[in-house]
Amino acid sequence: MDNIRYKEAFLLIDEENSGFITINDLHFLIRALGYTPTNNDLEKIDIEFINNQNIDYLWFIDIMSKLSCTKYSYEQIENAFFTFDHDRYGLIHIETFKTAMMNMGEPLSENEMYEMMKDLPVDEDG
């Protein structure tokens, strides 16, 4: 089951169908798939790719199989989302999201935040 989700996620990020993603894409995918790596976890992964900025699907699967960080269920992620969406409209303000991601748990860097948010749909109300 996870391999199907991993393949779909990888293909979504590999928009050019090059067969490769970048290390920043990898960080995003790990979190998007529900994992919560520490900075130390990400640094260990980064060391493996220090001379190679492109990661193919087989490397991606290998990394995901070795990941020792926590993985949350869909229900846990949904509950966390609704912590910020009190009215249950399915929307949270972008600044609320950014503040939470940069200050709670293992904080994200500005660059990681930018990578995560660059493709988010934001309406006129934020």
PDB file of N, CA and C in Angstrom:
ATOM      1  N   MET A   1       0.823  -1.203   0.000  1.00  0.00           N
ATOM      2  CA  MET A   1       0.000   0.000   0.000  1.00  0.00           C
ATOM      3  C   MET A   1       0.865   1.264   0.000  1.00  0.00           C
ATOM      4  N   ASP A   2       1.863   1.306   0.891  1.00  0.00           N
ATOM      5  CA  ASP A   2       2.716   2.483   0.949  1.00  0.00           C
ATOM      6  C   ASP A   2       3.465   2.701  -0.351  1.00  0.00           C
ATOM      7  N   ASN A   3       3.902   1.615  -1.010  1.00  0.00           N
ATOM      8  CA  ASN A   3       4.642   1.780  -2.259  1.00  0.00           C
ATOM      9  C   ASN A   3       3.822   2.478  -3.330  1.00  0.00           C
ATOM     10  N   ILE A   4       2.517   2.239  -3.352  1.00  0.00           N
ATOM     11  CA  ILE A   4       1.641   2.918  -4.314  1.00  0.00           C
ATOM     12  C   ILE A   4       1.579   4.408  -3.982  1.00  0.00           C
ATOM     13  N   ARG A   5       1.405   4.731  -2.693  1.00  0.00           N
ATOM     14  CA  ARG A   5       1.374   6.139  -2.268  1.00  0.00           C
ATOM     15  C   ARG A   5       2.706   6.812  -2.570  1.00  0.00           C
ATOM     16  N   TYR A   6       3.801   6.106  -2.309  1.00  0.00           N
ATOM     17  CA  TYR A   6       5.126   6.664  -2.563  1.00  0.00           C
ATOM     18  C   TYR A   6       5.311   6.949  -4.049  1.00  0.00           C
ATOM     19  N   LYS A   7       4.904   6.015  -4.899  1.00  0.00           N
ATOM     20  CA  LYS A   7       5.064   6.193  -6.349  1.00  0.00           C
ATOM     21  C   LYS A   7       4.226   7.380  -6.834  1.00  0.00           C
ATOM     22  N   GLU A   8       2.979   7.465  -6.366  1.00  0.00           N
ATOM     23  CA  GLU A   8       2.108   8.579  -6.761  1.00  0.00           C
ATOM     24  C   GLU A   8       2.697   9.913  -6.309  1.00  0.00           C
ATOM     25  N   ALA A   9       3.185   9.962  -5.079  1.00  0.00           N
ATOM     26  CA  ALA A   9       3.774  11.193  -4.545  1.00  0.00           C
ATOM     27  C   ALA A   9       5.021  11.570  -5.339  1.00  0.00           C
ATOM     28  N   PHE A  10       5.867  10.604  -5.627  1.00  0.00           N
ATOM     29  CA  PHE A  10       7.091  10.856  -6.381  1.00  0.00           C
ATOM     30  C   PHE A  10       6.753  11.424  -7.765  1.00  0.00           C
ATOM     31  N   LEU A  11       5.788  10.813  -8.430  1.00  0.00           N
ATOM     32  CA  LEU A  11       5.412  11.260  -9.777  1.00  0.00           C
ATOM     33  C   LEU A  11       4.794  12.659  -9.767  1.00  0.00           C
ATOM     34  N   LEU A  12       4.076  13.002  -8.711  1.00  0.00           N
ATOM     35  CA  LEU A  12       3.516  14.354  -8.605  1.00  0.00           C
ATOM     36  C   LEU A  12       4.614  15.407  -8.515  1.00  0.00           C
ATOM     37  N   ILE A  13       5.670  15.107  -7.772  1.00  0.00           N
ATOM     38  CA  ILE A  13       6.777  16.051  -7.610  1.00  0.00           C
ATOM     39  C   ILE A  13       7.644  16.096  -8.854  1.00  0.00           C
ATOM     40  N   ASP A  14       7.805  14.960  -9.524  1.00  0.00           N
ATOM     41  CA  ASP A  14       8.619  14.885 -10.741  1.00  0.00           C
ATOM     42  C   ASP A  14       7.784  15.343 -11.941  1.00  0.00           C
ATOM     43  N   GLU A  15       7.445  16.628 -11.941  1.00  0.00           N
ATOM     44  CA  GLU A  15       6.551  17.190 -12.963  1.00  0.00           C
ATOM     45  C   GLU A  15       7.097  17.072 -14.377  1.00  0.00           C
ATOM     46  N   GLU A  16       8.419  17.066 -14.517  1.00  0.00           N
ATOM     47  CA  GLU A  16       9.038  16.996 -15.851  1.00  0.00           C
ATOM     48  C   GLU A  16       9.262  15.564 -16.317  1.00  0.00           C
ATOM     49  N   ASN A  17       8.846  14.593 -15.521  1.00  0.00           N
ATOM     50  CA  ASN A  17       9.053  13.175 -15.840  1.00  0.00           C
ATOM     51  C   ASN A  17      10.509  12.846 -16.110  1.00  0.00           C
ATOM     52  N   SER A  18      11.389  13.458 -15.333  1.00  0.00           N
ATOM     53  CA  SER A  18      12.821  13.210 -15.510  1.00  0.00           C
ATOM     54  C   SER A  18      13.260  11.929 -14.819  1.00  0.00           C
ATOM     55  N   GLY A  19      12.437  11.447 -13.887  1.00  0.00           N
ATOM     56  CA  GLY A  19      12.804  10.269 -13.113  1.00  0.00           C
ATOM     57  C   GLY A  19      13.587  10.627 -11.865  1.00  0.00           C
ATOM     58  N   PHE A  20      13.724  11.934 -11.591  1.00  0.00           N
ATOM     59  CA  PHE A  20      14.504  12.400 -10.446  1.00  0.00           C
ATOM     60  C   PHE A  20      13.768  13.511  -9.705  1.00  0.00           C
ATOM     61  N   ILE A  21      14.067  13.601  -8.397  1.00  0.00           N
ATOM     62  CA  ILE A  21      13.624  14.730  -7.591  1.00  0.00           C
ATOM     63  C   ILE A  21      14.851  15.300  -6.881  1.00  0.00           C
ATOM     64  N   THR A  22      14.720  16.501  -6.343  1.00  0.00           N
ATOM     65  CA  THR A  22      15.832  17.129  -5.627  1.00  0.00           C
ATOM     66  C   THR A  22      15.768  16.788  -4.144  1.00  0.00           C
ATOM     67  N   ILE A  23      16.808  17.118  -3.429  1.00  0.00           N
ATOM     68  CA  ILE A  23      16.845  16.884  -1.992  1.00  0.00           C
ATOM     69  C   ILE A  23      15.764  17.697  -1.277  1.00  0.00           C
ATOM     70  N   ASN A  24      15.503  18.929  -1.750  1.00  0.00           N
ATOM     71  CA  ASN A  24      14.419  19.735  -1.163  1.00  0.00           C
ATOM     72  C   ASN A  24      13.061  19.086  -1.409  1.00  0.00           C
ATOM     73  N   ASP A  25      12.884  18.530  -2.610  1.00  0.00           N
ATOM     74  CA  ASP A  25      11.648  17.805  -2.902  1.00  0.00           C
ATOM     75  C   ASP A  25      11.501  16.606  -1.975  1.00  0.00           C
ATOM     76  N   LEU A  26      12.612  15.939  -1.713  1.00  0.00           N
ATOM     77  CA  LEU A  26      12.592  14.775  -0.830  1.00  0.00           C
ATOM     78  C   LEU A  26      12.135  15.165   0.574  1.00  0.00           C
ATOM     79  N   HIS A  27      12.682  16.254   1.106  1.00  0.00           N
ATOM     80  CA  HIS A  27      12.275  16.723   2.435  1.00  0.00           C
ATOM     81  C   HIS A  27      10.770  16.974   2.456  1.00  0.00           C
ATOM     82  N   PHE A  28      10.269  17.640   1.423  1.00  0.00           N
ATOM     83  CA  PHE A  28       8.841  17.932   1.332  1.00  0.00           C
ATOM     84  C   PHE A  28       8.022  16.644   1.270  1.00  0.00           C
ATOM     85  N   LEU A  29       8.451  15.690   0.425  1.00  0.00           N
ATOM     86  CA  LEU A  29       7.710  14.441   0.276  1.00  0.00           C
ATOM     87  C   LEU A  29       7.650  13.645   1.573  1.00  0.00           C
ATOM     88  N   ILE A  30       8.747  13.611   2.292  1.00  0.00           N
ATOM     89  CA  ILE A  30       8.772  12.873   3.555  1.00  0.00           C
ATOM     90  C   ILE A  30       7.683  13.411   4.481  1.00  0.00           C
ATOM     91  N   ARG A  31       7.616  14.725   4.586  1.00  0.00           N
ATOM     92  CA  ARG A  31       6.592  15.333   5.453  1.00  0.00           C
ATOM     93  C   ARG A  31       5.189  15.170   4.863  1.00  0.00           C
ATOM     94  N   ALA A  32       5.069  15.326   3.563  1.00  0.00           N
ATOM     95  CA  ALA A  32       3.759  15.209   2.910  1.00  0.00           C
ATOM     96  C   ALA A  32       3.181  13.805   3.070  1.00  0.00           C
ATOM     97  N   LEU A  33       4.041  12.815   3.193  1.00  0.00           N
ATOM     98  CA  LEU A  33       3.588  11.441   3.377  1.00  0.00           C
ATOM     99  C   LEU A  33       3.297  11.113   4.843  1.00  0.00           C
ATOM    100  N   GLY A  34       3.354  12.123   5.697  1.00  0.00           N
ATOM    101  CA  GLY A  34       2.948  11.955   7.082  1.00  0.00           C
ATOM    102  C   GLY A  34       4.065  11.663   8.058  1.00  0.00           C
ATOM    103  N   TYR A  35       5.308  11.725   7.599  1.00  0.00           N
ATOM    104  CA  TYR A  35       6.436  11.491   8.490  1.00  0.00           C
ATOM    105  C   TYR A  35       6.877  12.809   9.124  1.00  0.00           C
ATOM    106  N   THR A  36       7.441  12.712  10.303  1.00  0.00           N
ATOM    107  CA  THR A  36       7.911  13.904  11.002  1.00  0.00           C
ATOM    108  C   THR A  36       9.388  13.723  11.375  1.00  0.00           C
ATOM    109  N   PRO A  37      10.261  13.896  10.395  1.00  0.00           N
ATOM    110  CA  PRO A  37      11.686  13.716  10.675  1.00  0.00           C
ATOM    111  C   PRO A  37      12.249  14.865  11.509  1.00  0.00           C
ATOM    112  N   THR A  38      13.252  14.556  12.286  1.00  0.00           N
ATOM    113  CA  THR A  38      13.973  15.606  13.010  1.00  0.00           C
ATOM    114  C   THR A  38      14.998  16.202  12.060  1.00  0.00           C
ATOM    115  N   ASN A  39      15.565  17.336  12.438  1.00  0.00           N
ATOM    116  CA  ASN A  39      16.642  17.904  11.623  1.00  0.00           C
ATOM    117  C   ASN A  39      17.791  16.926  11.500  1.00  0.00           C
ATOM    118  N   ASN A  40      18.057  16.163  12.559  1.00  0.00           N
ATOM    119  CA  ASN A  40      19.119  15.163  12.531  1.00  0.00           C
ATOM    120  C   ASN A  40      18.824  14.075  11.488  1.00  0.00           C
ATOM    121  N   ASP A  41      17.568  13.626  11.419  1.00  0.00           N
ATOM    122  CA  ASP A  41      17.173  12.641  10.408  1.00  0.00           C
ATOM    123  C   ASP A  41      17.441  13.175   9.004  1.00  0.00           C
ATOM    124  N   LEU A  42      17.044  14.428   8.776  1.00  0.00           N
ATOM    125  CA  LEU A  42      17.233  15.027   7.447  1.00  0.00           C
ATOM    126  C   LEU A  42      18.710  15.236   7.120  1.00  0.00           C
ATOM    127  N   GLU A  43      19.502  15.604   8.117  1.00  0.00           N
ATOM    128  CA  GLU A  43      20.936  15.789   7.898  1.00  0.00           C
ATOM    129  C   GLU A  43      21.596  14.476   7.496  1.00  0.00           C
ATOM    130  N   LYS A  44      21.194  13.370   8.107  1.00  0.00           N
ATOM    131  CA  LYS A  44      21.734  12.052   7.742  1.00  0.00           C
ATOM    132  C   LYS A  44      21.410  11.724   6.287  1.00  0.00           C
ATOM    133  N   ILE A  45      20.195  12.036   5.881  1.00  0.00           N
ATOM    134  CA  ILE A  45      19.791  11.801   4.493  1.00  0.00           C
ATOM    135  C   ILE A  45      20.597  12.701   3.562  1.00  0.00           C
ATOM    136  N   ASP A  46      20.740  13.973   3.933  1.00  0.00           N
ATOM    137  CA  ASP A  46      21.460  14.927   3.096  1.00  0.00           C
ATOM    138  C   ASP A  46      22.910  14.500   2.862  1.00  0.00           C
ATOM    139  N   ILE A  47      23.543  13.941   3.880  1.00  0.00           N
ATOM    140  CA  ILE A  47      24.944  13.504   3.747  1.00  0.00           C
ATOM    141  C   ILE A  47      25.073  12.450   2.656  1.00  0.00           C
ATOM    142  N   GLU A  48      24.089  11.570   2.550  1.00  0.00           N
ATOM    143  CA  GLU A  48      24.117  10.516   1.538  1.00  0.00           C
ATOM    144  C   GLU A  48      24.088  11.099   0.121  1.00  0.00           C
ATOM    145  N   PHE A  49      23.502  12.288  -0.022  1.00  0.00           N
ATOM    146  CA  PHE A  49      23.325  12.878  -1.351  1.00  0.00           C
ATOM    147  C   PHE A  49      24.149  14.141  -1.550  1.00  0.00           C
ATOM    148  N   ILE A  50      25.183  14.316  -0.754  1.00  0.00           N
ATOM    149  CA  ILE A  50      25.951  15.559  -0.777  1.00  0.00           C
ATOM    150  C   ILE A  50      26.542  15.869  -2.157  1.00  0.00           C
ATOM    151  N   ASN A  51      26.908  14.862  -2.905  1.00  0.00           N
ATOM    152  CA  ASN A  51      27.500  15.080  -4.230  1.00  0.00           C
ATOM    153  C   ASN A  51      26.518  14.823  -5.366  1.00  0.00           C
ATOM    154  N   ASN A  52      25.282  14.517  -5.036  1.00  0.00           N
ATOM    155  CA  ASN A  52      24.296  14.207  -6.060  1.00  0.00           C
ATOM    156  C   ASN A  52      22.971  14.854  -5.673  1.00  0.00           C
ATOM    157  N   GLN A  53      22.563  15.868  -6.395  1.00  0.00           N
ATOM    158  CA  GLN A  53      21.341  16.595  -6.071  1.00  0.00           C
ATOM    159  C   GLN A  53      20.078  15.911  -6.596  1.00  0.00           C
ATOM    160  N   ASN A  54      20.239  14.876  -7.409  1.00  0.00           N
ATOM    161  CA  ASN A  54      19.081  14.195  -7.980  1.00  0.00           C
ATOM    162  C   ASN A  54      18.878  12.832  -7.343  1.00  0.00           C
ATOM    163  N   ILE A  55      17.640  12.550  -6.989  1.00  0.00           N
ATOM    164  CA  ILE A  55      17.285  11.301  -6.321  1.00  0.00           C
ATOM    165  C   ILE A  55      16.284  10.576  -7.204  1.00  0.00           C
ATOM    166  N   ASP A  56      16.605   9.348  -7.587  1.00  0.00           N
ATOM    167  CA  ASP A  56      15.662   8.588  -8.395  1.00  0.00           C
ATOM    168  C   ASP A  56      14.696   7.826  -7.484  1.00  0.00           C
ATOM    169  N   TYR A  57      13.720   7.182  -8.087  1.00  0.00           N
ATOM    170  CA  TYR A  57      12.671   6.523  -7.318  1.00  0.00           C
ATOM    171  C   TYR A  57      13.218   5.406  -6.430  1.00  0.00           C
ATOM    172  N   LEU A  58      14.187   4.634  -6.919  1.00  0.00           N
ATOM    173  CA  LEU A  58      14.735   3.549  -6.108  1.00  0.00           C
ATOM    174  C   LEU A  58      15.431   4.080  -4.858  1.00  0.00           C
ATOM    175  N   TRP A  59      16.158   5.191  -4.987  1.00  0.00           N
ATOM    176  CA  TRP A  59      16.774   5.821  -3.817  1.00  0.00           C
ATOM    177  C   TRP A  59      15.696   6.318  -2.861  1.00  0.00           C
ATOM    178  N   PHE A  60      14.667   6.904  -3.432  1.00  0.00           N
ATOM    179  CA  PHE A  60      13.556   7.416  -2.639  1.00  0.00           C
ATOM    180  C   PHE A  60      12.926   6.295  -1.804  1.00  0.00           C
ATOM    181  N   ILE A  61      12.648   5.158  -2.422  1.00  0.00           N
ATOM    182  CA  ILE A  61      12.066   4.013  -1.719  1.00  0.00           C
ATOM    183  C   ILE A  61      13.013   3.516  -0.634  1.00  0.00           C
ATOM    184  N   ASP A  62      14.295   3.467  -0.945  1.00  0.00           N
ATOM    185  CA  ASP A  62      15.289   3.033   0.031  1.00  0.00           C
ATOM    186  C   ASP A  62      15.287   3.952   1.248  1.00  0.00           C
ATOM    187  N   ILE A  63      15.260   5.255   1.002  1.00  0.00           N
ATOM    188  CA  ILE A  63      15.234   6.229   2.101  1.00  0.00           C
ATOM    189  C   ILE A  63      13.974   6.056   2.934  1.00  0.00           C
ATOM    190  N   MET A  64      12.842   5.927   2.277  1.00  0.00           N
ATOM    191  CA  MET A  64      11.578   5.799   2.996  1.00  0.00           C
ATOM    192  C   MET A  64      11.553   4.529   3.843  1.00  0.00           C
ATOM    193  N   SER A  65      12.172   3.462   3.354  1.00  0.00           N
ATOM    194  CA  SER A  65      12.172   2.211   4.120  1.00  0.00           C
ATOM    195  C   SER A  65      13.068   2.299   5.354  1.00  0.00           C
ATOM    196  N   LYS A  66      14.060   3.184   5.331  1.00  0.00           N
ATOM    197  CA  LYS A  66      14.991   3.337   6.447  1.00  0.00           C
ATOM    198  C   LYS A  66      14.552   4.404   7.447  1.00  0.00           C
ATOM    199  N   LEU A  67      13.537   5.165   7.092  1.00  0.00           N
ATOM    200  CA  LEU A  67      13.130   6.287   7.926  1.00  0.00           C
ATOM    201  C   LEU A  67      12.712   5.811   9.305  1.00  0.00           C
ATOM    202  N   SER A  68      13.331   6.397  10.313  1.00  0.00           N
ATOM    203  CA  SER A  68      13.030   5.986  11.689  1.00  0.00           C
ATOM    204  C   SER A  68      12.121   6.973  12.398  1.00  0.00           C
ATOM    205  N   CYS A  69      11.703   8.027  11.702  1.00  0.00           N
ATOM    206  CA  CYS A  69      10.877   9.036  12.359  1.00  0.00           C
ATOM    207  C   CYS A  69       9.422   8.580  12.430  1.00  0.00           C
ATOM    208  N   THR A  70       8.650   9.302  13.178  1.00  0.00           N
ATOM    209  CA  THR A  70       7.258   8.960  13.424  1.00  0.00           C
ATOM    210  C   THR A  70       6.409   9.210  12.187  1.00  0.00           C
ATOM    211  N   LYS A  71       5.460   8.340  11.967  1.00  0.00           N
ATOM    212  CA  LYS A  71       4.485   8.525  10.900  1.00  0.00           C
ATOM    213  C   LYS A  71       3.112   8.633  11.549  1.00  0.00           C
ATOM    214  N   TYR A  72       2.378   9.658  11.176  1.00  0.00           N
ATOM    215  CA  TYR A  72       1.050   9.879  11.741  1.00  0.00           C
ATOM    216  C   TYR A  72      -0.018   9.334  10.813  1.00  0.00           C
ATOM    217  N   SER A  73      -1.121   8.913  11.396  1.00  0.00           N
ATOM    218  CA  SER A  73      -2.252   8.428  10.610  1.00  0.00           C
ATOM    219  C   SER A  73      -2.977   9.614   9.988  1.00  0.00           C
ATOM    220  N   TYR A  74      -3.798   9.327   9.007  1.00  0.00           N
ATOM    221  CA  TYR A  74      -4.604  10.365   8.361  1.00  0.00           C
ATOM    222  C   TYR A  74      -5.485  11.066   9.399  1.00  0.00           C
ATOM    223  N   GLU A  75      -6.061  10.285  10.305  1.00  0.00           N
ATOM    224  CA  GLU A  75      -6.933  10.851  11.333  1.00  0.00           C
ATOM    225  C   GLU A  75      -6.170  11.806  12.258  1.00  0.00           C
ATOM    226  N   GLN A  76      -4.955  11.455  12.610  1.00  0.00           N
ATOM    227  CA  GLN A  76      -4.151  12.327  13.471  1.00  0.00           C
ATOM    228  C   GLN A  76      -3.813  13.638  12.756  1.00  0.00           C
ATOM    229  N   ILE A  77      -3.491  13.548  11.489  1.00  0.00           N
ATOM    230  CA  ILE A  77      -3.173  14.749  10.711  1.00  0.00           C
ATOM    231  C   ILE A  77      -4.426  15.611  10.561  1.00  0.00           C
ATOM    232  N   GLU A  78      -5.550  14.980  10.291  1.00  0.00           N
ATOM    233  CA  GLU A  78      -6.811  15.714  10.164  1.00  0.00           C
ATOM    234  C   GLU A  78      -7.156  16.425  11.474  1.00  0.00           C
ATOM    235  N   ASN A  79      -6.993  15.750  12.591  1.00  0.00           N
ATOM    236  CA  ASN A  79      -7.263  16.366  13.893  1.00  0.00           C
ATOM    237  C   ASN A  79      -6.342  17.558  14.141  1.00  0.00           C
ATOM    238  N   ALA A  80      -5.089  17.425  13.758  1.00  0.00           N
ATOM    239  CA  ALA A  80      -4.143  18.540  13.912  1.00  0.00           C
ATOM    240  C   ALA A  80      -4.589  19.719  13.052  1.00  0.00           C
ATOM    241  N   PHE A  81      -5.029  19.459  11.823  1.00  0.00           N
ATOM    242  CA  PHE A  81      -5.495  20.515  10.932  1.00  0.00           C
ATOM    243  C   PHE A  81      -6.677  21.256  11.553  1.00  0.00           C
ATOM    244  N   PHE A  82      -7.621  20.500  12.094  1.00  0.00           N
ATOM    245  CA  PHE A  82      -8.818  21.120  12.646  1.00  0.00           C
ATOM    246  C   PHE A  82      -8.553  21.869  13.941  1.00  0.00           C
ATOM    247  N   THR A  83      -7.371  21.699  14.512  1.00  0.00           N
ATOM    248  CA  THR A  83      -6.971  22.521  15.646  1.00  0.00           C
ATOM    249  C   THR A  83      -6.930  23.985  15.222  1.00  0.00           C
ATOM    250  N   PHE A  84      -6.583  24.233  13.960  1.00  0.00           N
ATOM    251  CA  PHE A  84      -6.480  25.594  13.424  1.00  0.00           C
ATOM    252  C   PHE A  84      -7.721  26.006  12.634  1.00  0.00           C
ATOM    253  N   ASP A  85      -8.524  25.041  12.240  1.00  0.00           N
ATOM    254  CA  ASP A  85      -9.747  25.303  11.475  1.00  0.00           C
ATOM    255  C   ASP A  85     -10.947  25.098  12.396  1.00  0.00           C
ATOM    256  N   HIS A  86     -11.131  26.049  13.319  1.00  0.00           N
ATOM    257  CA  HIS A  86     -12.163  25.918  14.348  1.00  0.00           C
ATOM    258  C   HIS A  86     -13.572  25.801  13.771  1.00  0.00           C
ATOM    259  N   ASP A  87     -13.825  26.472  12.653  1.00  0.00           N
ATOM    260  CA  ASP A  87     -15.158  26.455  12.053  1.00  0.00           C
ATOM    261  C   ASP A  87     -15.390  25.249  11.153  1.00  0.00           C
ATOM    262  N   ARG A  88     -14.365  24.452  10.967  1.00  0.00           N
ATOM    263  CA  ARG A  88     -14.411  23.237  10.138  1.00  0.00           C
ATOM    264  C   ARG A  88     -14.832  23.526   8.696  1.00  0.00           C
ATOM    265  N   TYR A  89     -14.276  24.600   8.132  1.00  0.00           N
ATOM    266  CA  TYR A  89     -14.511  24.930   6.729  1.00  0.00           C
ATOM    267  C   TYR A  89     -13.528  24.218   5.804  1.00  0.00           C
ATOM    268  N   GLY A  90     -12.514  23.588   6.382  1.00  0.00           N
ATOM    269  CA  GLY A  90     -11.493  22.936   5.566  1.00  0.00           C
ATOM    270  C   GLY A  90     -10.429  23.911   5.100  1.00  0.00           C
ATOM    271  N   LEU A  91     -10.361  25.078   5.755  1.00  0.00           N
ATOM    272  CA  LEU A  91      -9.400  26.112   5.382  1.00  0.00           C
ATOM    273  C   LEU A  91      -8.728  26.671   6.626  1.00  0.00           C
ATOM    274  N   ILE A  92      -7.449  26.979   6.502  1.00  0.00           N
ATOM    275  CA  ILE A  92      -6.776  27.729   7.561  1.00  0.00           C
ATOM    276  C   ILE A  92      -6.016  28.871   6.896  1.00  0.00           C
ATOM    277  N   HIS A  93      -5.844  29.944   7.625  1.00  0.00           N
ATOM    278  CA  HIS A  93      -5.144  31.102   7.095  1.00  0.00           C
ATOM    279  C   HIS A  93      -3.676  30.753   6.883  1.00  0.00           C
ATOM    280  N   ILE A  94      -3.094  31.210   5.801  1.00  0.00           N
ATOM    281  CA  ILE A  94      -1.716  30.875   5.438  1.00  0.00           C
ATOM    282  C   ILE A  94      -0.724  31.305   6.519  1.00  0.00           C
ATOM    283  N   GLU A  95      -0.948  32.443   7.144  1.00  0.00           N
ATOM    284  CA  GLU A  95      -0.034  32.908   8.195  1.00  0.00           C
ATOM    285  C   GLU A  95      -0.126  32.013   9.436  1.00  0.00           C
ATOM    286  N   THR A  96      -1.314  31.516   9.737  1.00  0.00           N
ATOM    287  CA  THR A  96      -1.485  30.585  10.857  1.00  0.00           C
ATOM    288  C   THR A  96      -0.717  29.303  10.578  1.00  0.00           C
ATOM    289  N   PHE A  97      -0.847  28.805   9.361  1.00  0.00           N
ATOM    290  CA  PHE A  97      -0.132  27.591   8.948  1.00  0.00           C
ATOM    291  C   PHE A  97       1.378  27.794   9.028  1.00  0.00           C
ATOM    292  N   LYS A  98       1.835  28.905   8.492  1.00  0.00           N
ATOM    293  CA  LYS A  98       3.268  29.202   8.477  1.00  0.00           C
ATOM    294  C   LYS A  98       3.815  29.299   9.906  1.00  0.00           C
ATOM    295  N   THR A  99       3.122  30.007  10.764  1.00  0.00           N
ATOM    296  CA  THR A  99       3.559  30.162  12.151  1.00  0.00           C
ATOM    297  C   THR A  99       3.636  28.810  12.848  1.00  0.00           C
ATOM    298  N   ALA A 100       2.619  27.976  12.655  1.00  0.00           N
ATOM    299  CA  ALA A 100       2.603  26.656  13.284  1.00  0.00           C
ATOM    300  C   ALA A 100       3.752  25.794  12.785  1.00  0.00           C
ATOM    301  N   MET A 101       3.982  25.769  11.494  1.00  0.00           N
ATOM    302  CA  MET A 101       5.027  24.926  10.916  1.00  0.00           C
ATOM    303  C   MET A 101       6.427  25.388  11.305  1.00  0.00           C
ATOM    304  N   MET A 102       6.591  26.668  11.544  1.00  0.00           N
ATOM    305  CA  MET A 102       7.923  27.184  11.858  1.00  0.00           C
ATOM    306  C   MET A 102       8.214  27.210  13.359  1.00  0.00           C
ATOM    307  N   ASN A 103       7.184  27.006  14.192  1.00  0.00           N
ATOM    308  CA  ASN A 103       7.390  27.146  15.631  1.00  0.00           C
ATOM    309  C   ASN A 103       6.988  25.938  16.473  1.00  0.00           C
ATOM    310  N   MET A 104       6.292  24.987  15.920  1.00  0.00           N
ATOM    311  CA  MET A 104       5.831  23.844  16.703  1.00  0.00           C
ATOM    312  C   MET A 104       6.622  22.599  16.321  1.00  0.00           C
ATOM    313  N   GLY A 105       6.867  21.742  17.292  1.00  0.00           N
ATOM    314  CA  GLY A 105       7.585  20.500  17.023  1.00  0.00           C
ATOM    315  C   GLY A 105       8.972  20.779  16.485  1.00  0.00           C
ATOM    316  N   GLU A 106       9.360  20.057  15.450  1.00  0.00           N
ATOM    317  CA  GLU A 106      10.650  20.271  14.791  1.00  0.00           C
ATOM    318  C   GLU A 106      10.430  21.389  13.773  1.00  0.00           C
ATOM    319  N   PRO A 107      10.933  22.595  14.056  1.00  0.00           N
ATOM    320  CA  PRO A 107      10.618  23.741  13.193  1.00  0.00           C
ATOM    321  C   PRO A 107      11.209  23.619  11.798  1.00  0.00           C
ATOM    322  N   LEU A 108      10.490  24.183  10.834  1.00  0.00           N
ATOM    323  CA  LEU A 108      10.960  24.245   9.454  1.00  0.00           C
ATOM    324  C   LEU A 108      11.750  25.524   9.241  1.00  0.00           C
ATOM    325  N   SER A 109      12.708  25.461   8.335  1.00  0.00           N
ATOM    326  CA  SER A 109      13.460  26.658   7.971  1.00  0.00           C
ATOM    327  C   SER A 109      12.621  27.496   7.007  1.00  0.00           C
ATOM    328  N   GLU A 110      13.058  28.725   6.765  1.00  0.00           N
ATOM    329  CA  GLU A 110      12.370  29.595   5.798  1.00  0.00           C
ATOM    330  C   GLU A 110      12.329  28.922   4.427  1.00  0.00           C
ATOM    331  N   ASN A 111      13.446  28.306   4.011  1.00  0.00           N
ATOM    332  CA  ASN A 111      13.521  27.650   2.707  1.00  0.00           C
ATOM    333  C   ASN A 111      12.561  26.457   2.633  1.00  0.00           C
ATOM    334  N   GLU A 112      12.506  25.670   3.697  1.00  0.00           N
ATOM    335  CA  GLU A 112      11.578  24.543   3.721  1.00  0.00           C
ATOM    336  C   GLU A 112      10.137  25.036   3.673  1.00  0.00           C
ATOM    337  N   MET A 113       9.852  26.123   4.367  1.00  0.00           N
ATOM    338  CA  MET A 113       8.509  26.703   4.344  1.00  0.00           C
ATOM    339  C   MET A 113       8.158  27.165   2.937  1.00  0.00           C
ATOM    340  N   TYR A 114       9.097  27.851   2.289  1.00  0.00           N
ATOM    341  CA  TYR A 114       8.854  28.324   0.926  1.00  0.00           C
ATOM    342  C   TYR A 114       8.551  27.143  -0.006  1.00  0.00           C
ATOM    343  N   GLU A 115       9.369  26.091   0.083  1.00  0.00           N
ATOM    344  CA  GLU A 115       9.176  24.921  -0.777  1.00  0.00           C
ATOM    345  C   GLU A 115       7.814  24.287  -0.532  1.00  0.00           C
ATOM    346  N   MET A 116       7.404  24.220   0.713  1.00  0.00           N
ATOM    347  CA  MET A 116       6.125  23.606   1.053  1.00  0.00           C
ATOM    348  C   MET A 116       4.959  24.468   0.583  1.00  0.00           C
ATOM    349  N   MET A 117       5.094  25.781   0.686  1.00  0.00           N
ATOM    350  CA  MET A 117       3.977  26.677   0.431  1.00  0.00           C
ATOM    351  C   MET A 117       3.882  27.184  -1.001  1.00  0.00           C
ATOM    352  N   LYS A 118       4.920  27.000  -1.795  1.00  0.00           N
ATOM    353  CA  LYS A 118       4.929  27.622  -3.121  1.00  0.00           C
ATOM    354  C   LYS A 118       3.787  27.174  -4.027  1.00  0.00           C
ATOM    355  N   ASP A 119       3.276  25.973  -3.826  1.00  0.00           N
ATOM    356  CA  ASP A 119       2.204  25.472  -4.684  1.00  0.00           C
ATOM    357  C   ASP A 119       0.847  25.404  -3.991  1.00  0.00           C
ATOM    358  N   LEU A 120       0.777  25.957  -2.761  1.00  0.00           N
ATOM    359  CA  LEU A 120      -0.497  25.950  -2.046  1.00  0.00           C
ATOM    360  C   LEU A 120      -1.467  26.958  -2.645  1.00  0.00           C
ATOM    361  N   PRO A 121      -2.714  26.556  -2.766  1.00  0.00           N
ATOM    362  CA  PRO A 121      -3.701  27.527  -3.257  1.00  0.00           C
ATOM    363  C   PRO A 121      -4.058  28.518  -2.147  1.00  0.00           C
ATOM    364  N   VAL A 122      -3.852  29.786  -2.412  1.00  0.00           N
ATOM    365  CA  VAL A 122      -4.161  30.836  -1.438  1.00  0.00           C
ATOM    366  C   VAL A 122      -5.147  31.787  -2.106  1.00  0.00           C
ATOM    367  N   ASP A 123      -6.310  31.980  -1.453  1.00  0.00           N
ATOM    368  CA  ASP A 123      -7.291  32.904  -2.023  1.00  0.00           C
ATOM    369  C   ASP A 123      -7.016  34.318  -1.553  1.00  0.00           C
ATOM    370  N   GLU A 124      -7.892  35.239  -1.920  1.00  0.00           N
ATOM    371  CA  GLU A 124      -7.697  36.640  -1.608  1.00  0.00           C
ATOM    372  C   GLU A 124      -7.704  36.939  -0.105  1.00  0.00           C
ATOM    373  N   ASP A 125      -8.284  36.027   0.679  1.00  0.00           N
ATOM    374  CA  ASP A 125      -8.301  36.200   2.136  1.00  0.00           C
ATOM    375  C   ASP A 125      -7.091  35.576   2.816  1.00  0.00           C
ATOM    376  N   GLY A 126      -6.221  34.929   2.049  1.00  0.00           N
ATOM    377  CA  GLY A 126      -5.033  34.296   2.623  1.00  0.00           C
ATOM    378  C   GLY A 126      -5.334  32.899   3.099  1.00  0.00           C
TER     379      GLY A 126
END
